[in-house]
């Protein structure tokens, strides 16, 4: 039994004759008729009544139609699932709030590429709410977001803690503040301040830290990477998790540095999130495992 034989029977039921089916499918009528006869012989049932005026579905054939439709529907679902799996195995999309990019994200993707050279990884920069929405819609496979200690992650996601760090002040290495062992909030507000935009956890943390105090000048940006570049170009200082600054190329080159805050600290967490509902592809699971492995190695080096 071949799938196309069942499709021929369904087409005869819809169009009413072998001739019309042959014309629509661009087949010769004798070849079509022979394929149907072979199916009838295999099943031991006359599916069609053949007359001089054409072929019509028989009563026995009509009883089989629901089963034929069920098989074809299952085949269609199988093909769609295979297409989706093929696509998902070829492209993985990771959403990130731009935290620990150099220390964790890039090394993880580099190692993943070595074992999955045919799979393309797309890294999408976005805020937390946008990442959550895309995870629920299925347009992202993994989301990397920050939380403050005590925050409750949404219940729609499987959440795995990767890194735990502290907020630090990121500043140019030649800044007068770099001579201090720690930075007071009163010193911070006297500096031009580069803040993260609303929707990033460090925006919320900085708002809480300043407690209504206004810096001498402020601007806002998306993500740690742009914030560090602005610091390097002398536009001000910013507050980031330490795991987003330590080991950065600009820090290794001596252009930027960091100092802890003298005020009371709170843990900043970097987590990997995946949607609870729905299946996860094998490459996505393996990339997630690599993030966990690399995070442990990064944490040990930092310690």
Protein backbone atom coordinates (compact mmCIF):
# COMPACT_ATOMS: atom_id res chain seq x y z
CA UNK A 1 0.00 0.00 0.00
CA UNK A 2 1.29 3.40 -0.97
CA UNK A 3 0.18 6.78 0.33
CA UNK A 4 -0.58 8.05 -3.17
CA UNK A 5 -3.08 5.21 -3.69
CA UNK A 6 -5.10 6.49 -0.73
CA UNK A 7 -4.80 10.03 -2.08
CA UNK A 8 -6.20 8.81 -5.43
CA UNK A 9 -9.28 7.33 -3.70
CA UNK A 10 -9.86 10.57 -1.80
CA UNK A 11 -9.54 12.53 -5.04
CA UNK A 12 -12.05 10.26 -6.85
CA UNK A 13 -14.52 10.86 -4.01
CA UNK A 14 -14.04 14.60 -4.37
CA UNK A 15 -14.05 14.86 -8.18
CA UNK A 16 -16.36 11.98 -9.06
CA UNK A 17 -14.38 10.23 -11.78
CA UNK A 18 -10.97 8.75 -12.59
CA UNK A 19 -10.73 10.94 -15.68
CA UNK A 20 -11.00 14.17 -13.69
CA UNK A 21 -8.49 12.90 -11.13
CA UNK A 22 -6.04 11.96 -13.89
CA UNK A 23 -6.39 15.45 -15.41
CA UNK A 24 -5.88 17.22 -12.09
CA UNK A 25 -2.88 15.10 -11.07
CA UNK A 26 -1.38 15.02 -14.59
CA UNK A 27 -1.45 11.22 -14.71
CA UNK A 28 -2.48 8.87 -17.48
CA UNK A 29 -5.87 7.37 -16.75
CA UNK A 30 -4.65 3.77 -17.29
CA UNK A 31 -1.83 4.25 -14.75
CA UNK A 32 -4.25 5.77 -12.26
CA UNK A 33 -6.78 2.98 -12.77
CA UNK A 34 -4.08 0.33 -12.31
CA UNK A 35 -2.88 1.92 -9.03
CA UNK A 36 -6.45 1.84 -7.66
CA UNK A 37 -6.94 -1.79 -8.77
CA UNK A 38 -3.72 -2.80 -7.02
CA UNK A 39 -5.02 -1.25 -3.81
CA UNK A 40 -8.35 -3.04 -4.18
CA UNK A 41 -6.58 -6.37 -4.67
CA UNK A 42 -4.42 -5.75 -1.61
CA UNK A 43 -7.42 -4.89 0.57
CA UNK A 44 -9.77 -7.44 -0.99
CA UNK A 45 -12.47 -4.79 -1.46
CA UNK A 46 -13.95 -3.15 -4.57
CA UNK A 47 -13.51 0.45 -3.58
CA UNK A 48 -14.87 1.85 -6.85
CA UNK A 49 -17.91 0.95 -8.96
CA UNK A 50 -16.87 1.21 -12.58
CA UNK A 51 -19.47 1.86 -15.29
CA UNK A 52 -19.36 3.16 -18.84
CA UNK A 53 -20.11 6.63 -17.54
CA UNK A 54 -17.17 6.55 -15.12
CA UNK A 55 -16.08 5.36 -11.69
CA UNK A 56 -17.82 6.14 -8.40
CA UNK A 57 -17.02 5.19 -4.84
CA UNK A 58 -18.69 1.94 -3.83
CA UNK A 59 -20.61 1.35 -0.61
CA UNK A 60 -17.71 -0.72 0.70
CA UNK A 61 -15.31 2.02 -0.31
CA UNK A 62 -17.44 4.66 1.40
CA UNK A 63 -17.17 2.75 4.67
CA UNK A 64 -13.40 2.86 4.34
CA UNK A 65 -13.26 6.61 3.65
CA UNK A 66 -12.98 7.69 7.33
CA UNK A 67 -10.00 5.35 7.77
CA UNK A 68 -8.38 6.60 4.58
CA UNK A 69 -8.86 10.20 5.73
CA UNK A 70 -7.39 9.31 9.13
CA UNK A 71 -4.28 7.78 7.57
CA UNK A 72 -3.76 10.75 5.25
CA UNK A 73 -4.27 13.20 8.11
CA UNK A 74 -1.69 11.32 10.21
CA UNK A 75 0.75 11.38 7.30
CA UNK A 76 0.19 15.12 6.90
CA UNK A 77 0.86 15.68 10.61
CA UNK A 78 4.00 13.56 10.37
CA UNK A 79 5.27 15.63 7.45
CA UNK A 80 4.56 18.91 9.24
CA UNK A 81 6.30 17.68 12.41
CA UNK A 82 9.29 16.53 10.37
CA UNK A 83 9.46 19.92 8.61
CA UNK A 84 9.32 21.76 11.93
CA UNK A 85 11.94 19.50 13.44
CA UNK A 86 14.20 19.95 10.43
CA UNK A 87 13.85 23.73 10.73
CA UNK A 88 14.38 23.74 14.50
CA UNK A 89 17.42 21.49 14.15
CA UNK A 90 18.89 23.94 11.64
CA UNK A 91 18.22 27.20 13.49
CA UNK A 92 18.34 27.92 17.22
CA UNK A 93 17.37 31.35 18.52
CA UNK A 94 18.68 32.66 21.84
CA UNK A 95 17.30 35.84 23.39
CA UNK A 96 19.60 37.72 25.74
CA UNK A 97 19.57 40.89 27.81
CA UNK A 98 23.31 41.19 27.02
CA UNK A 99 24.66 39.83 30.29
CA UNK A 100 27.92 37.85 30.57
CA UNK A 101 28.28 38.05 26.80
CA UNK A 102 32.04 37.51 26.65
CA UNK A 103 32.39 35.30 29.70
CA UNK A 104 29.51 32.91 29.00
CA UNK A 105 27.45 33.42 25.84
CA UNK A 106 30.23 33.55 23.24
CA UNK A 107 32.25 30.60 24.63
CA UNK A 108 29.08 28.50 24.84
CA UNK A 109 28.10 29.18 21.24
CA UNK A 110 31.67 28.54 20.09
CA UNK A 111 31.68 25.10 21.77
CA UNK A 112 28.19 24.31 20.41
CA UNK A 113 29.36 25.14 16.88
CA UNK A 114 32.10 22.53 17.12
CA UNK A 115 29.59 19.70 17.58
CA UNK A 116 26.71 21.18 15.52
CA UNK A 117 28.36 22.85 12.51
CA UNK A 118 25.16 22.67 10.43
CA UNK A 119 22.98 24.42 13.04
CA UNK A 120 22.79 28.20 12.86
CA UNK A 121 22.51 30.04 16.18
CA UNK A 122 20.80 33.42 16.13
CA UNK A 123 21.41 35.67 19.15
CA UNK A 124 18.66 38.25 19.66
CA UNK A 125 19.17 41.24 21.97
CA UNK A 126 15.98 42.21 23.77
CA UNK A 127 14.49 43.22 27.08
CA UNK A 128 13.08 40.70 29.53
CA UNK A 129 9.42 41.14 28.58
CA UNK A 130 10.21 40.78 24.88
CA UNK A 131 12.19 37.60 25.53
CA UNK A 132 9.35 36.11 27.57
CA UNK A 133 6.81 36.92 24.87
CA UNK A 134 8.99 35.35 22.17
CA UNK A 135 9.58 32.23 24.27
CA UNK A 136 5.83 31.76 24.71
CA UNK A 137 5.25 32.30 20.99
CA UNK A 138 7.94 29.75 20.15
CA UNK A 139 10.12 32.19 18.20
CA UNK A 140 12.94 31.81 20.77
CA UNK A 141 14.37 28.53 22.06
CA UNK A 142 16.28 29.85 25.08
CA UNK A 143 16.12 33.15 26.95
CA UNK A 144 18.94 34.58 29.07
CA UNK A 145 17.59 37.15 31.54
CA UNK A 146 18.59 38.76 34.82
CA UNK A 147 16.77 38.75 38.14
CA UNK A 148 17.44 40.25 41.54
CA UNK A 149 17.60 37.84 44.46
CA UNK A 150 14.05 37.37 45.76
CA UNK A 151 12.34 37.88 42.38
CA UNK A 152 9.92 35.13 41.38
CA UNK A 153 10.40 33.90 37.80
CA UNK A 154 7.18 33.46 35.78
CA UNK A 155 5.61 29.98 36.14
CA UNK A 156 5.37 29.50 32.36
CA UNK A 157 9.11 28.80 32.09
CA UNK A 158 11.68 26.29 33.26
CA UNK A 159 14.29 28.50 34.91
CA UNK A 160 17.91 27.43 35.50
CA UNK A 161 20.29 29.66 37.44
CA UNK A 162 23.56 30.12 35.56
CA UNK A 163 25.47 32.89 37.34
CA UNK A 164 25.15 34.85 40.57
CA UNK A 165 26.98 38.13 40.96
CA UNK A 166 26.95 41.61 42.47
CA UNK A 167 26.21 45.03 40.97
CA UNK A 168 29.41 47.01 40.39
CA UNK A 169 30.26 50.42 39.03
CA UNK A 170 31.83 50.20 35.57
CA UNK A 171 34.09 53.19 34.85
CA UNK A 172 37.06 54.23 32.78
CA UNK A 173 40.39 53.07 34.16
CA UNK A 174 41.67 56.68 34.23
CA UNK A 175 38.66 57.94 36.20
CA UNK A 176 39.49 59.47 39.63
CA UNK A 177 36.95 57.08 41.13
CA UNK A 178 39.11 54.14 40.04
CA UNK A 179 41.52 55.01 42.86
CA UNK A 180 38.84 54.19 45.44
CA UNK A 181 38.28 50.69 46.82
CA UNK A 182 34.49 51.15 46.66
CA UNK A 183 32.04 53.72 45.30
CA UNK A 184 29.50 55.51 47.47
CA UNK A 185 26.09 56.39 46.07
CA UNK A 186 26.83 60.05 46.81
CA UNK A 187 29.89 59.78 44.51
CA UNK A 188 27.83 58.00 41.87
CA UNK A 189 25.22 60.75 41.53
CA UNK A 190 27.95 63.35 40.97
CA UNK A 191 29.02 61.49 37.82
CA UNK A 192 27.38 61.42 34.40
CA UNK A 193 25.41 58.20 34.69
CA UNK A 194 24.63 55.71 31.93
CA UNK A 195 21.53 53.73 32.89
CA UNK A 196 19.79 50.79 31.31
CA UNK A 197 16.40 51.49 29.81
CA UNK A 198 13.20 50.51 31.58
CA UNK A 199 12.61 46.79 31.16
CA UNK A 200 16.11 45.74 32.25
CA UNK A 201 16.64 44.53 35.80
CA UNK A 202 19.60 46.92 36.25
CA UNK A 203 17.27 49.84 35.53
CA UNK A 204 15.10 48.68 38.42
CA UNK A 205 18.12 48.14 40.66
CA UNK A 206 19.61 51.57 39.94
CA UNK A 207 16.28 53.28 40.57
CA UNK A 208 16.14 51.55 43.96
CA UNK A 209 19.79 52.38 44.69
CA UNK A 210 19.47 56.10 43.97
CA UNK A 211 16.28 56.32 46.03
CA UNK A 212 15.11 59.52 44.40
CA UNK A 213 18.53 61.15 44.08
CA UNK A 214 19.21 62.67 40.65
CA UNK A 215 22.62 62.30 38.96
CA UNK A 216 24.41 65.30 37.45
CA UNK A 217 23.62 63.98 33.98
CA UNK A 218 22.11 60.75 32.75
CA UNK A 219 21.35 58.90 29.55
CA UNK A 220 19.95 55.44 28.93
CA UNK A 221 20.74 52.60 26.58
CA UNK A 222 19.90 48.99 25.78
CA UNK A 223 22.11 46.32 27.30
CA UNK A 224 25.50 46.08 28.94
CA UNK A 225 27.52 46.01 25.72
CA UNK A 226 26.49 49.50 24.62
CA UNK A 227 26.81 50.72 28.21
CA UNK A 228 30.44 49.57 28.39
CA UNK A 229 31.27 51.18 25.05
CA UNK A 230 29.80 54.48 26.25
CA UNK A 231 31.89 54.24 29.42
CA UNK A 232 35.01 53.54 27.35
CA UNK A 233 34.31 56.66 25.28
CA UNK A 234 34.13 58.80 28.39
CA UNK A 235 30.38 59.46 28.48
CA UNK A 236 30.02 58.47 32.12
CA UNK A 237 29.82 55.48 34.44
CA UNK A 238 27.28 52.67 34.61
CA UNK A 239 26.15 49.98 37.04
CA UNK A 240 26.23 46.40 35.82
CA UNK A 241 26.49 42.89 37.24
CA UNK A 242 30.14 41.99 37.79
CA UNK A 243 29.86 39.00 35.43
CA UNK A 244 29.11 41.42 32.58
CA UNK A 245 32.34 43.38 33.17
CA UNK A 246 34.97 40.92 34.41
CA UNK A 247 36.93 39.53 31.46
CA UNK A 248 35.41 41.92 28.93
CA UNK A 249 37.90 42.85 26.15
CA UNK A 250 37.72 46.50 27.19
CA UNK A 251 38.57 45.52 30.76
CA UNK A 252 41.40 43.22 29.66
CA UNK A 253 42.79 46.05 27.53
CA UNK A 254 42.78 48.38 30.54
CA UNK A 255 40.25 50.81 29.06
CA UNK A 256 37.49 50.18 31.59
CA UNK A 257 37.52 48.77 35.09
CA UNK A 258 35.05 48.23 37.91
CA UNK A 259 34.67 48.93 41.59
CA UNK A 260 32.14 47.52 44.08
CA UNK A 261 29.43 49.67 45.55
CA UNK A 262 29.94 50.62 49.17
CA UNK A 263 26.21 50.42 49.87
CA UNK A 264 24.32 47.29 50.77
CA UNK A 265 24.45 44.77 47.93
CA UNK A 266 21.94 42.39 46.40
CA UNK A 267 22.62 39.33 44.28
CA UNK A 268 22.02 39.59 40.54
CA UNK A 269 21.17 36.31 38.86
CA UNK A 270 21.60 35.32 35.23
CA UNK A 271 19.20 32.51 34.34
CA UNK A 272 18.37 30.45 31.28
CA UNK A 273 14.66 30.02 30.59
CA UNK A 274 12.70 27.72 28.30
CA UNK A 275 8.98 27.42 27.71
CA UNK A 276 7.37 24.67 29.83
CA UNK A 277 4.68 23.77 27.28
CA UNK A 278 5.61 22.02 24.05
CA UNK A 279 8.52 19.85 23.03
CA UNK A 280 12.17 20.89 23.00
CA UNK A 281 14.47 19.85 20.18
CA UNK A 282 17.63 17.89 20.91
CA UNK A 283 19.98 20.71 19.75
CA UNK A 284 18.14 23.16 22.03
CA UNK A 285 18.54 20.79 24.99
CA UNK A 286 22.23 20.35 24.23
CA UNK A 287 22.80 24.11 23.94
CA UNK A 288 21.05 24.58 27.29
CA UNK A 289 23.31 21.94 28.86
CA UNK A 290 26.34 23.72 27.47
CA UNK A 291 25.19 27.00 29.04
CA UNK A 292 24.98 25.24 32.41
CA UNK A 293 28.42 23.64 31.99
CA UNK A 294 30.09 26.86 30.88
CA UNK A 295 28.43 28.83 33.68
CA UNK A 296 29.92 26.45 36.26
CA UNK A 297 33.38 26.88 34.71
CA UNK A 298 32.98 30.68 34.58
CA UNK A 299 31.88 30.77 38.22
CA UNK A 300 34.87 28.68 39.31
CA UNK A 301 37.30 30.97 37.47
CA UNK A 302 35.67 34.07 38.98
CA UNK A 303 35.87 32.55 42.46
